[in-house]
């Protein structure tokens, strides 16, 4: 075995694993590099002010009423987002339909925003398994809208029918999610 000690008596275990310091200062030819701390005692760089993450407010509400309330909110948000997407397509393309590529992208974005907003609201309402409940609720809502409401989405009454269908979809989603979790 080779002797791994330095002349000053400290042990050399190989290269330092400390992160390099990336500063905005550039060295000039005249300036010498700053002395570095020994490899065994790296000095931590100040990370700057860290923002503490505030916890979500919690409201205690039973599962089914919380799911129904979330469904109504998500359904109303869905109506608003679809209306905004249609208005955007009207402004850009001159028609209320975006067509294949942009329309599919808008649909995926709207469904993602609805699932995220539903999960966030379910977490605030203290519903367990909020993410899976919201994802399933948005999926059921999308199927209900495609099967029953697709031909009438430009009618005024769909602004009421979609939140009602979303409340039912979230209720069924909460029931299925809690039934599966109880079995485990």
N, C-alpha and C. Protein backbone atom coordinates (compact mmCIF):
# COMPACT_ATOMS: atom_id res chain seq x y z
N UNK A 1 0.84 -1.18 0.00
CA UNK A 1 0.00 0.00 0.00
C UNK A 1 0.88 1.24 0.00
N UNK A 2 0.49 2.24 -0.70
CA UNK A 2 1.25 3.48 -0.74
C UNK A 2 0.88 4.34 0.45
N UNK A 3 1.80 5.18 0.87
CA UNK A 3 1.57 6.07 1.99
C UNK A 3 0.74 7.26 1.48
N UNK A 4 -0.51 7.49 2.05
CA UNK A 4 -1.42 8.53 1.60
C UNK A 4 -1.35 9.79 2.45
N UNK A 5 -0.23 10.06 3.13
CA UNK A 5 -0.15 11.24 3.97
C UNK A 5 0.64 12.33 3.27
N UNK A 6 0.21 13.58 3.54
CA UNK A 6 0.91 14.75 3.01
C UNK A 6 2.09 15.05 3.92
N UNK A 7 2.99 15.93 3.47
CA UNK A 7 4.15 16.28 4.31
C UNK A 7 3.75 16.90 5.65
N UNK A 8 2.58 17.57 5.74
CA UNK A 8 2.18 18.17 7.02
C UNK A 8 1.51 17.16 7.94
N UNK A 9 1.41 15.92 7.57
CA UNK A 9 0.87 14.88 8.44
C UNK A 9 -0.61 14.59 8.22
N UNK A 10 -1.33 15.35 7.36
CA UNK A 10 -2.75 15.09 7.10
C UNK A 10 -2.87 14.04 6.02
N UNK A 11 -3.98 13.39 6.01
CA UNK A 11 -4.21 12.30 5.06
C UNK A 11 -4.82 12.86 3.77
N UNK A 12 -4.35 12.40 2.63
CA UNK A 12 -4.86 12.82 1.32
C UNK A 12 -5.71 11.68 0.77
N UNK A 13 -7.03 11.90 0.70
CA UNK A 13 -7.93 10.86 0.21
C UNK A 13 -8.30 11.03 -1.25
N UNK A 14 -7.72 11.95 -1.94
CA UNK A 14 -8.02 12.13 -3.35
C UNK A 14 -8.54 13.53 -3.61
N UNK A 15 -9.17 13.72 -4.74
CA UNK A 15 -9.62 15.07 -5.09
C UNK A 15 -10.76 15.52 -4.18
N UNK A 16 -10.88 16.83 -4.03
CA UNK A 16 -11.93 17.41 -3.21
C UNK A 16 -13.27 17.27 -3.92
N UNK A 17 -14.28 16.95 -3.18
CA UNK A 17 -15.62 16.83 -3.76
C UNK A 17 -16.46 18.07 -3.53
N UNK A 18 -15.83 19.14 -3.04
CA UNK A 18 -16.55 20.39 -2.79
C UNK A 18 -16.90 21.04 -4.12
N UNK A 19 -18.07 21.67 -4.16
CA UNK A 19 -18.50 22.37 -5.37
C UNK A 19 -17.63 23.59 -5.61
N UNK A 20 -17.28 23.88 -6.85
CA UNK A 20 -16.49 25.07 -7.13
C UNK A 20 -17.33 26.32 -6.91
N UNK A 21 -16.66 27.41 -6.61
CA UNK A 21 -17.33 28.68 -6.42
C UNK A 21 -17.43 29.38 -7.76
N UNK A 22 -18.63 29.68 -8.19
CA UNK A 22 -18.86 30.37 -9.45
C UNK A 22 -19.20 31.81 -9.13
N UNK A 23 -18.25 32.70 -9.32
CA UNK A 23 -18.50 34.10 -9.06
C UNK A 23 -18.45 34.86 -10.37
N UNK A 24 -18.91 36.07 -10.34
CA UNK A 24 -18.93 36.89 -11.55
C UNK A 24 -17.61 37.60 -11.78
N UNK A 25 -16.74 37.59 -10.80
CA UNK A 25 -15.45 38.24 -10.95
C UNK A 25 -14.57 37.45 -11.89
N UNK A 26 -13.89 38.17 -12.71
CA UNK A 26 -12.92 37.52 -13.59
C UNK A 26 -11.53 37.81 -13.07
N UNK A 27 -10.70 36.83 -13.13
CA UNK A 27 -9.33 37.02 -12.70
C UNK A 27 -8.56 37.77 -13.76
N UNK A 28 -7.73 38.67 -13.30
CA UNK A 28 -6.82 39.35 -14.22
C UNK A 28 -5.49 38.62 -14.18
N UNK A 29 -4.63 38.98 -15.08
CA UNK A 29 -3.33 38.32 -15.13
C UNK A 29 -2.53 38.59 -13.86
N UNK A 30 -2.73 39.79 -13.26
CA UNK A 30 -1.96 40.16 -12.09
C UNK A 30 -2.51 39.53 -10.81
N UNK A 31 -3.78 39.19 -10.78
CA UNK A 31 -4.35 38.71 -9.53
C UNK A 31 -4.07 37.23 -9.36
N UNK A 32 -3.76 36.90 -8.15
CA UNK A 32 -3.50 35.50 -7.82
C UNK A 32 -4.81 34.87 -7.35
N UNK A 33 -4.96 33.57 -7.52
CA UNK A 33 -6.18 32.93 -7.04
C UNK A 33 -6.26 33.02 -5.52
N UNK A 34 -7.48 33.13 -5.03
CA UNK A 34 -7.69 33.22 -3.59
C UNK A 34 -7.31 31.90 -2.94
N UNK A 35 -6.76 31.95 -1.74
CA UNK A 35 -6.41 30.69 -1.09
C UNK A 35 -7.67 29.90 -0.77
N UNK A 36 -7.57 28.61 -0.96
CA UNK A 36 -8.72 27.75 -0.73
C UNK A 36 -8.59 27.06 0.61
N UNK A 37 -9.72 26.76 1.19
CA UNK A 37 -9.74 26.03 2.45
C UNK A 37 -9.28 24.60 2.20
N UNK A 38 -8.78 23.93 3.22
CA UNK A 38 -8.40 22.53 3.03
C UNK A 38 -9.59 21.69 2.58
N UNK A 39 -9.28 20.62 1.88
CA UNK A 39 -10.33 19.77 1.32
C UNK A 39 -11.19 19.12 2.40
N UNK A 40 -10.65 18.95 3.57
CA UNK A 40 -11.42 18.27 4.61
C UNK A 40 -12.43 19.18 5.27
N UNK A 41 -12.31 20.51 5.11
CA UNK A 41 -13.24 21.43 5.75
C UNK A 41 -13.72 22.46 4.75
N UNK A 42 -14.61 22.09 3.80
CA UNK A 42 -15.10 23.08 2.83
C UNK A 42 -16.00 24.09 3.52
N UNK A 43 -15.88 25.34 3.09
CA UNK A 43 -16.74 26.38 3.66
C UNK A 43 -17.99 26.48 2.81
N UNK A 44 -19.14 26.42 3.42
CA UNK A 44 -20.38 26.50 2.64
C UNK A 44 -20.62 27.92 2.15
N UNK A 45 -21.09 28.02 0.94
CA UNK A 45 -21.44 29.30 0.37
C UNK A 45 -22.81 29.72 0.89
N UNK A 46 -22.99 31.00 1.19
CA UNK A 46 -24.33 31.43 1.61
C UNK A 46 -25.31 31.29 0.45
N UNK A 47 -26.41 30.66 0.71
CA UNK A 47 -27.38 30.37 -0.34
C UNK A 47 -28.31 31.53 -0.61
N UNK A 48 -28.22 32.58 0.16
CA UNK A 48 -29.11 33.70 -0.03
C UNK A 48 -30.35 33.51 0.81
N UNK A 49 -31.22 34.48 0.76
CA UNK A 49 -32.43 34.36 1.58
C UNK A 49 -33.35 33.27 1.03
N UNK A 50 -33.68 32.34 1.89
CA UNK A 50 -34.58 31.27 1.47
C UNK A 50 -36.00 31.64 1.84
N UNK A 51 -36.88 31.43 0.91
CA UNK A 51 -38.28 31.70 1.19
C UNK A 51 -38.89 30.47 1.82
N UNK A 52 -39.48 30.68 2.95
CA UNK A 52 -40.15 29.57 3.61
C UNK A 52 -41.46 29.30 2.89
N UNK A 53 -41.73 28.05 2.64
CA UNK A 53 -42.95 27.67 1.95
C UNK A 53 -44.10 27.68 2.94
N UNK A 54 -45.12 28.44 2.61
CA UNK A 54 -46.27 28.50 3.49
C UNK A 54 -47.16 27.29 3.24
N UNK A 55 -47.63 26.67 4.29
CA UNK A 55 -48.53 25.53 4.09
C UNK A 55 -49.90 26.00 3.60
N UNK A 56 -50.57 25.11 2.91
CA UNK A 56 -51.91 25.43 2.44
C UNK A 56 -52.87 25.52 3.62
N UNK A 57 -53.82 26.43 3.54
CA UNK A 57 -54.83 26.44 4.61
C UNK A 57 -55.66 25.17 4.53
N UNK A 58 -56.09 24.69 5.66
CA UNK A 58 -56.89 23.46 5.70
C UNK A 58 -58.29 23.77 6.18
N UNK A 59 -59.26 23.24 5.47
CA UNK A 59 -60.66 23.36 5.85
C UNK A 59 -61.19 21.94 5.99
N UNK A 60 -61.73 21.64 7.16
CA UNK A 60 -62.23 20.28 7.40
C UNK A 60 -63.64 20.17 6.82
N UNK A 61 -63.77 19.34 5.81
CA UNK A 61 -65.05 19.08 5.16
C UNK A 61 -65.08 17.61 4.81
N UNK A 62 -66.23 16.98 5.00
CA UNK A 62 -66.35 15.56 4.70
C UNK A 62 -66.05 15.30 3.23
N UNK A 63 -65.77 14.05 2.89
CA UNK A 63 -65.31 13.68 1.56
C UNK A 63 -66.26 13.99 0.43
N UNK A 64 -67.50 13.52 0.50
CA UNK A 64 -68.43 13.71 -0.62
C UNK A 64 -68.81 15.18 -0.82
N UNK A 65 -69.15 15.94 0.23
CA UNK A 65 -69.42 17.36 -0.01
C UNK A 65 -68.19 18.12 -0.54
N UNK A 66 -67.01 17.75 -0.07
CA UNK A 66 -65.80 18.40 -0.57
C UNK A 66 -65.59 18.07 -2.05
N UNK A 67 -65.83 16.82 -2.41
CA UNK A 67 -65.69 16.43 -3.82
C UNK A 67 -66.72 17.14 -4.70
N UNK A 68 -67.95 17.26 -4.22
CA UNK A 68 -68.98 17.93 -5.01
C UNK A 68 -68.67 19.42 -5.17
N UNK A 69 -68.23 20.06 -4.09
CA UNK A 69 -67.86 21.47 -4.18
C UNK A 69 -66.68 21.66 -5.13
N UNK A 70 -65.70 20.79 -5.04
CA UNK A 70 -64.57 20.86 -5.95
C UNK A 70 -65.02 20.65 -7.39
N UNK A 71 -65.95 19.74 -7.61
CA UNK A 71 -66.46 19.51 -8.96
C UNK A 71 -67.14 20.74 -9.53
N UNK A 72 -67.91 21.44 -8.72
CA UNK A 72 -68.58 22.65 -9.20
C UNK A 72 -67.55 23.71 -9.58
N UNK A 73 -66.54 23.89 -8.73
CA UNK A 73 -65.50 24.89 -9.01
C UNK A 73 -64.71 24.50 -10.26
N UNK A 74 -64.33 23.24 -10.37
CA UNK A 74 -63.57 22.78 -11.52
C UNK A 74 -64.42 22.87 -12.79
N UNK A 75 -65.68 22.54 -12.70
CA UNK A 75 -66.56 22.66 -13.87
C UNK A 75 -66.70 24.10 -14.33
N UNK A 76 -66.86 25.03 -13.39
CA UNK A 76 -66.95 26.44 -13.76
C UNK A 76 -65.63 26.94 -14.36
N UNK A 77 -64.51 26.48 -13.78
CA UNK A 77 -63.21 26.84 -14.34
C UNK A 77 -63.05 26.26 -15.74
N UNK A 78 -63.54 25.04 -15.95
CA UNK A 78 -63.48 24.43 -17.27
C UNK A 78 -64.28 25.21 -18.31
N UNK A 79 -65.47 25.66 -17.92
CA UNK A 79 -66.29 26.47 -18.84
C UNK A 79 -65.54 27.75 -19.19
N UNK A 80 -64.94 28.39 -18.18
CA UNK A 80 -64.21 29.62 -18.43
C UNK A 80 -63.00 29.39 -19.34
N UNK A 81 -62.22 28.35 -19.07
CA UNK A 81 -61.03 28.09 -19.88
C UNK A 81 -61.37 27.71 -21.32
N UNK A 82 -62.43 26.94 -21.50
CA UNK A 82 -62.83 26.58 -22.87
C UNK A 82 -63.34 27.81 -23.61
N UNK A 83 -64.06 28.66 -22.91
CA UNK A 83 -64.53 29.90 -23.55
C UNK A 83 -63.34 30.77 -23.94
N UNK A 84 -62.34 30.89 -23.04
CA UNK A 84 -61.15 31.67 -23.37
C UNK A 84 -60.37 31.07 -24.53
N UNK A 85 -60.28 29.74 -24.59
CA UNK A 85 -59.60 29.09 -25.71
C UNK A 85 -60.34 29.35 -27.01
N UNK A 86 -61.66 29.27 -26.98
CA UNK A 86 -62.44 29.57 -28.18
C UNK A 86 -62.29 31.01 -28.62
N UNK A 87 -62.27 31.93 -27.65
CA UNK A 87 -62.08 33.35 -27.99
C UNK A 87 -60.68 33.59 -28.55
N UNK A 88 -59.69 32.89 -28.00
CA UNK A 88 -58.34 33.02 -28.53
C UNK A 88 -58.23 32.49 -29.95
N UNK A 89 -58.86 31.36 -30.22
CA UNK A 89 -58.85 30.82 -31.59
C UNK A 89 -59.59 31.74 -32.54
N UNK A 90 -60.67 32.33 -32.07
CA UNK A 90 -61.44 33.27 -32.90
C UNK A 90 -60.57 34.48 -33.26
N UNK A 91 -59.81 34.96 -32.30
CA UNK A 91 -58.97 36.13 -32.55
C UNK A 91 -57.80 35.81 -33.47
N UNK A 92 -57.21 34.63 -33.30
CA UNK A 92 -56.02 34.29 -34.08
C UNK A 92 -56.36 33.72 -35.45
N UNK A 93 -57.30 32.79 -35.48
CA UNK A 93 -57.57 32.07 -36.74
C UNK A 93 -58.86 32.51 -37.43
N UNK A 94 -59.69 33.27 -36.76
CA UNK A 94 -60.94 33.71 -37.37
C UNK A 94 -62.06 32.70 -37.25
N UNK A 95 -61.86 31.62 -36.52
CA UNK A 95 -62.89 30.61 -36.32
C UNK A 95 -62.83 30.16 -34.86
N UNK A 96 -63.94 29.67 -34.34
CA UNK A 96 -63.97 29.28 -32.93
C UNK A 96 -63.29 27.94 -32.68
N UNK A 97 -62.88 27.25 -33.75
CA UNK A 97 -62.19 25.97 -33.61
C UNK A 97 -60.72 26.16 -33.94
N UNK A 98 -59.85 25.62 -33.10
CA UNK A 98 -58.41 25.78 -33.34
C UNK A 98 -57.87 24.74 -34.30
N UNK A 99 -58.61 23.69 -34.57
CA UNK A 99 -58.12 22.67 -35.47
C UNK A 99 -57.29 21.62 -34.76
N UNK A 100 -56.59 20.80 -35.52
CA UNK A 100 -55.88 19.64 -35.01
C UNK A 100 -54.79 19.90 -34.00
N UNK A 101 -53.67 20.47 -34.41
CA UNK A 101 -52.52 20.63 -33.52
C UNK A 101 -52.77 21.60 -32.38
N UNK A 102 -53.09 22.86 -32.68
CA UNK A 102 -53.30 23.82 -31.60
C UNK A 102 -54.52 23.48 -30.73
N UNK A 103 -55.54 22.91 -31.33
CA UNK A 103 -56.73 22.54 -30.56
C UNK A 103 -56.46 21.41 -29.58
N UNK A 104 -55.70 20.43 -30.02
CA UNK A 104 -55.34 19.33 -29.13
C UNK A 104 -54.45 19.81 -27.99
N UNK A 105 -53.52 20.70 -28.32
CA UNK A 105 -52.65 21.27 -27.28
C UNK A 105 -53.47 22.06 -26.27
N UNK A 106 -54.42 22.86 -26.75
CA UNK A 106 -55.28 23.63 -25.85
C UNK A 106 -56.11 22.71 -24.97
N UNK A 107 -56.62 21.62 -25.54
CA UNK A 107 -57.40 20.66 -24.77
C UNK A 107 -56.57 20.01 -23.67
N UNK A 108 -55.35 19.60 -23.99
CA UNK A 108 -54.48 18.96 -23.00
C UNK A 108 -54.12 19.95 -21.89
N UNK A 109 -53.84 21.19 -22.26
CA UNK A 109 -53.50 22.21 -21.26
C UNK A 109 -54.69 22.47 -20.35
N UNK A 110 -55.88 22.60 -20.91
CA UNK A 110 -57.08 22.84 -20.10
C UNK A 110 -57.33 21.68 -19.15
N UNK A 111 -57.22 20.44 -19.63
CA UNK A 111 -57.43 19.29 -18.76
C UNK A 111 -56.38 19.21 -17.66
N UNK A 112 -55.15 19.54 -17.99
CA UNK A 112 -54.09 19.56 -16.97
C UNK A 112 -54.32 20.61 -15.91
N UNK A 113 -54.73 21.79 -16.32
CA UNK A 113 -55.03 22.86 -15.36
C UNK A 113 -56.21 22.48 -14.48
N UNK A 114 -57.23 21.86 -15.06
CA UNK A 114 -58.39 21.44 -14.27
C UNK A 114 -58.00 20.38 -13.24
N UNK A 115 -57.18 19.41 -13.64
CA UNK A 115 -56.76 18.36 -12.70
C UNK A 115 -55.90 18.96 -11.60
N UNK A 116 -55.01 19.88 -11.91
CA UNK A 116 -54.17 20.52 -10.91
C UNK A 116 -55.00 21.36 -9.94
N UNK A 117 -55.91 22.16 -10.48
CA UNK A 117 -56.75 23.01 -9.62
C UNK A 117 -57.64 22.16 -8.73
N UNK A 118 -58.18 21.07 -9.26
CA UNK A 118 -59.01 20.19 -8.44
C UNK A 118 -58.22 19.52 -7.33
N UNK A 119 -57.00 19.09 -7.63
CA UNK A 119 -56.16 18.47 -6.60
C UNK A 119 -55.80 19.48 -5.52
N UNK A 120 -55.51 20.70 -5.91
CA UNK A 120 -55.18 21.74 -4.94
C UNK A 120 -56.37 22.03 -4.03
N UNK A 121 -57.54 22.16 -4.61
CA UNK A 121 -58.73 22.43 -3.80
C UNK A 121 -59.08 21.25 -2.90
N UNK A 122 -58.92 20.04 -3.39
CA UNK A 122 -59.17 18.87 -2.55
C UNK A 122 -58.18 18.79 -1.39
N UNK A 123 -56.93 19.18 -1.62
CA UNK A 123 -55.97 19.21 -0.52
C UNK A 123 -56.36 20.25 0.52
N UNK A 124 -56.81 21.40 0.07
CA UNK A 124 -57.26 22.44 1.00
C UNK A 124 -58.46 21.94 1.81
N UNK A 125 -59.32 21.15 1.19
CA UNK A 125 -60.49 20.62 1.87
C UNK A 125 -60.20 19.33 2.63
N UNK A 126 -58.93 18.98 2.76
CA UNK A 126 -58.46 17.83 3.56
C UNK A 126 -58.99 16.49 3.08
N UNK A 127 -59.09 16.33 1.78
CA UNK A 127 -59.52 15.05 1.21
C UNK A 127 -58.27 14.22 0.95
N UNK A 128 -58.22 12.99 1.46
CA UNK A 128 -57.05 12.15 1.19
C UNK A 128 -57.01 11.73 -0.28
N UNK A 129 -55.83 11.48 -0.79
CA UNK A 129 -55.61 11.08 -2.19
C UNK A 129 -56.20 12.10 -3.16
N UNK A 130 -55.86 13.37 -2.93
CA UNK A 130 -56.44 14.45 -3.71
C UNK A 130 -56.04 14.38 -5.19
N UNK A 131 -54.79 14.04 -5.46
CA UNK A 131 -54.33 14.02 -6.85
C UNK A 131 -55.03 12.97 -7.70
N UNK A 132 -55.12 11.75 -7.18
CA UNK A 132 -55.77 10.69 -7.95
C UNK A 132 -57.28 10.93 -8.06
N UNK A 133 -57.88 11.48 -7.01
CA UNK A 133 -59.31 11.79 -7.07
C UNK A 133 -59.58 12.84 -8.13
N UNK A 134 -58.75 13.87 -8.18
CA UNK A 134 -58.95 14.93 -9.15
C UNK A 134 -58.70 14.45 -10.58
N UNK A 135 -57.65 13.67 -10.77
CA UNK A 135 -57.36 13.17 -12.11
C UNK A 135 -58.50 12.29 -12.63
N UNK A 136 -59.00 11.41 -11.76
CA UNK A 136 -60.12 10.56 -12.18
C UNK A 136 -61.37 11.39 -12.41
N UNK A 137 -61.61 12.40 -11.58
CA UNK A 137 -62.78 13.26 -11.75
C UNK A 137 -62.74 14.02 -13.07
N UNK A 138 -61.59 14.54 -13.43
CA UNK A 138 -61.47 15.26 -14.71
C UNK A 138 -61.63 14.29 -15.88
N UNK A 139 -61.12 13.08 -15.74
CA UNK A 139 -61.31 12.07 -16.80
C UNK A 139 -62.76 11.70 -16.99
N UNK A 140 -63.48 11.49 -15.88
CA UNK A 140 -64.91 11.18 -15.97
C UNK A 140 -65.67 12.35 -16.56
N UNK A 141 -65.32 13.57 -16.15
CA UNK A 141 -65.98 14.77 -16.70
C UNK A 141 -65.76 14.87 -18.20
N UNK A 142 -64.54 14.60 -18.65
CA UNK A 142 -64.26 14.68 -20.09
C UNK A 142 -65.10 13.68 -20.87
N UNK A 143 -65.25 12.47 -20.32
CA UNK A 143 -66.07 11.46 -20.99
C UNK A 143 -67.54 11.89 -21.01
N UNK A 144 -68.04 12.40 -19.89
CA UNK A 144 -69.43 12.85 -19.83
C UNK A 144 -69.70 13.97 -20.83
N UNK A 145 -68.77 14.91 -20.92
CA UNK A 145 -68.95 16.03 -21.87
C UNK A 145 -68.91 15.53 -23.30
N UNK A 146 -67.99 14.61 -23.61
CA UNK A 146 -67.91 14.11 -24.99
C UNK A 146 -69.13 13.28 -25.37
N UNK A 147 -69.68 12.51 -24.42
CA UNK A 147 -70.81 11.64 -24.75
C UNK A 147 -72.12 12.43 -24.81
N UNK A 148 -72.34 13.30 -23.83
CA UNK A 148 -73.66 13.93 -23.72
C UNK A 148 -73.73 15.38 -24.16
N UNK A 149 -72.66 16.14 -24.09
CA UNK A 149 -72.76 17.59 -24.30
C UNK A 149 -71.99 18.11 -25.49
N UNK A 150 -71.27 17.28 -26.20
CA UNK A 150 -70.39 17.76 -27.25
C UNK A 150 -71.12 18.54 -28.35
N UNK A 151 -72.29 18.11 -28.71
CA UNK A 151 -73.03 18.79 -29.77
C UNK A 151 -73.67 20.09 -29.34
N UNK A 152 -73.76 20.33 -28.04
CA UNK A 152 -74.45 21.52 -27.55
C UNK A 152 -73.55 22.44 -26.73
N UNK A 153 -72.26 22.38 -26.92
CA UNK A 153 -71.36 23.20 -26.10
C UNK A 153 -71.48 24.69 -26.36
N UNK A 154 -72.11 25.08 -27.47
CA UNK A 154 -72.29 26.51 -27.73
C UNK A 154 -73.62 27.04 -27.18
N UNK A 155 -74.38 26.22 -26.49
CA UNK A 155 -75.64 26.65 -25.87
C UNK A 155 -75.37 27.26 -24.50
N UNK A 156 -76.24 28.14 -24.05
CA UNK A 156 -76.04 28.82 -22.76
C UNK A 156 -76.18 27.86 -21.58
N UNK A 157 -77.02 26.87 -21.69
CA UNK A 157 -77.30 25.99 -20.56
C UNK A 157 -76.15 25.04 -20.24
N UNK A 158 -75.19 24.91 -21.16
CA UNK A 158 -74.04 24.06 -20.84
C UNK A 158 -73.14 24.70 -19.79
N UNK A 159 -73.24 26.02 -19.61
CA UNK A 159 -72.49 26.68 -18.54
C UNK A 159 -72.99 26.25 -17.17
N UNK A 160 -74.21 25.72 -17.11
CA UNK A 160 -74.75 25.16 -15.86
C UNK A 160 -74.57 23.64 -15.85
N UNK A 161 -74.72 23.01 -16.99
CA UNK A 161 -74.66 21.55 -17.06
C UNK A 161 -73.26 21.01 -16.80
N UNK A 162 -72.22 21.71 -17.25
CA UNK A 162 -70.86 21.22 -17.05
C UNK A 162 -70.46 21.23 -15.57
N UNK A 163 -70.71 22.30 -14.79
CA UNK A 163 -70.40 22.21 -13.35
C UNK A 163 -71.22 21.15 -12.62
N UNK A 164 -72.47 20.93 -13.02
CA UNK A 164 -73.27 19.87 -12.39
C UNK A 164 -72.69 18.50 -12.74
N UNK A 165 -72.31 18.32 -13.99
CA UNK A 165 -71.69 17.05 -14.38
C UNK A 165 -70.34 16.88 -13.69
N UNK A 166 -69.61 17.96 -13.49
CA UNK A 166 -68.32 17.88 -12.80
C UNK A 166 -68.52 17.51 -11.33
N UNK A 167 -69.56 18.03 -10.69
CA UNK A 167 -69.85 17.66 -9.31
C UNK A 167 -70.15 16.17 -9.21
N UNK A 168 -70.94 15.65 -10.16
CA UNK A 168 -71.23 14.22 -10.17
C UNK A 168 -69.97 13.40 -10.45
N UNK A 169 -69.13 13.87 -11.37
CA UNK A 169 -67.90 13.15 -11.71
C UNK A 169 -66.94 13.12 -10.53
N UNK A 170 -66.80 14.22 -9.83
CA UNK A 170 -65.92 14.24 -8.66
C UNK A 170 -66.49 13.41 -7.52
N UNK A 171 -67.82 13.39 -7.39
CA UNK A 171 -68.43 12.53 -6.37
C UNK A 171 -68.15 11.06 -6.64
N UNK A 172 -68.31 10.63 -7.88
CA UNK A 172 -68.01 9.24 -8.25
C UNK A 172 -66.52 8.97 -8.09
N UNK A 173 -65.70 9.92 -8.46
CA UNK A 173 -64.25 9.75 -8.33
C UNK A 173 -63.85 9.60 -6.87
N UNK A 174 -64.42 10.40 -5.99
CA UNK A 174 -64.11 10.29 -4.56
C UNK A 174 -64.55 8.92 -4.03
N UNK A 175 -65.72 8.47 -4.45
CA UNK A 175 -66.24 7.18 -3.99
C UNK A 175 -65.33 6.03 -4.45
N UNK A 176 -64.92 6.06 -5.71
CA UNK A 176 -64.05 5.00 -6.24
C UNK A 176 -62.69 5.04 -5.54
N UNK A 177 -62.14 6.22 -5.37
CA UNK A 177 -60.82 6.33 -4.75
C UNK A 177 -60.85 5.85 -3.30
N UNK A 178 -61.87 6.23 -2.54
CA UNK A 178 -61.92 5.78 -1.15
C UNK A 178 -62.21 4.28 -1.07
N UNK A 179 -62.99 3.74 -2.00
CA UNK A 179 -63.25 2.29 -1.99
C UNK A 179 -61.97 1.52 -2.29
N UNK A 180 -61.16 2.00 -3.20
CA UNK A 180 -59.91 1.31 -3.54
C UNK A 180 -58.93 1.43 -2.38
N UNK A 181 -58.84 2.59 -1.76
CA UNK A 181 -57.90 2.78 -0.65
C UNK A 181 -58.30 1.93 0.56
N UNK A 182 -59.61 1.82 0.82
CA UNK A 182 -60.07 0.99 1.93
C UNK A 182 -59.75 -0.48 1.72
N UNK A 183 -59.78 -0.96 0.48
CA UNK A 183 -59.45 -2.35 0.18
C UNK A 183 -57.98 -2.63 0.46
N UNK A 184 -57.12 -1.66 0.24
CA UNK A 184 -55.69 -1.86 0.49
C UNK A 184 -55.45 -1.87 1.97
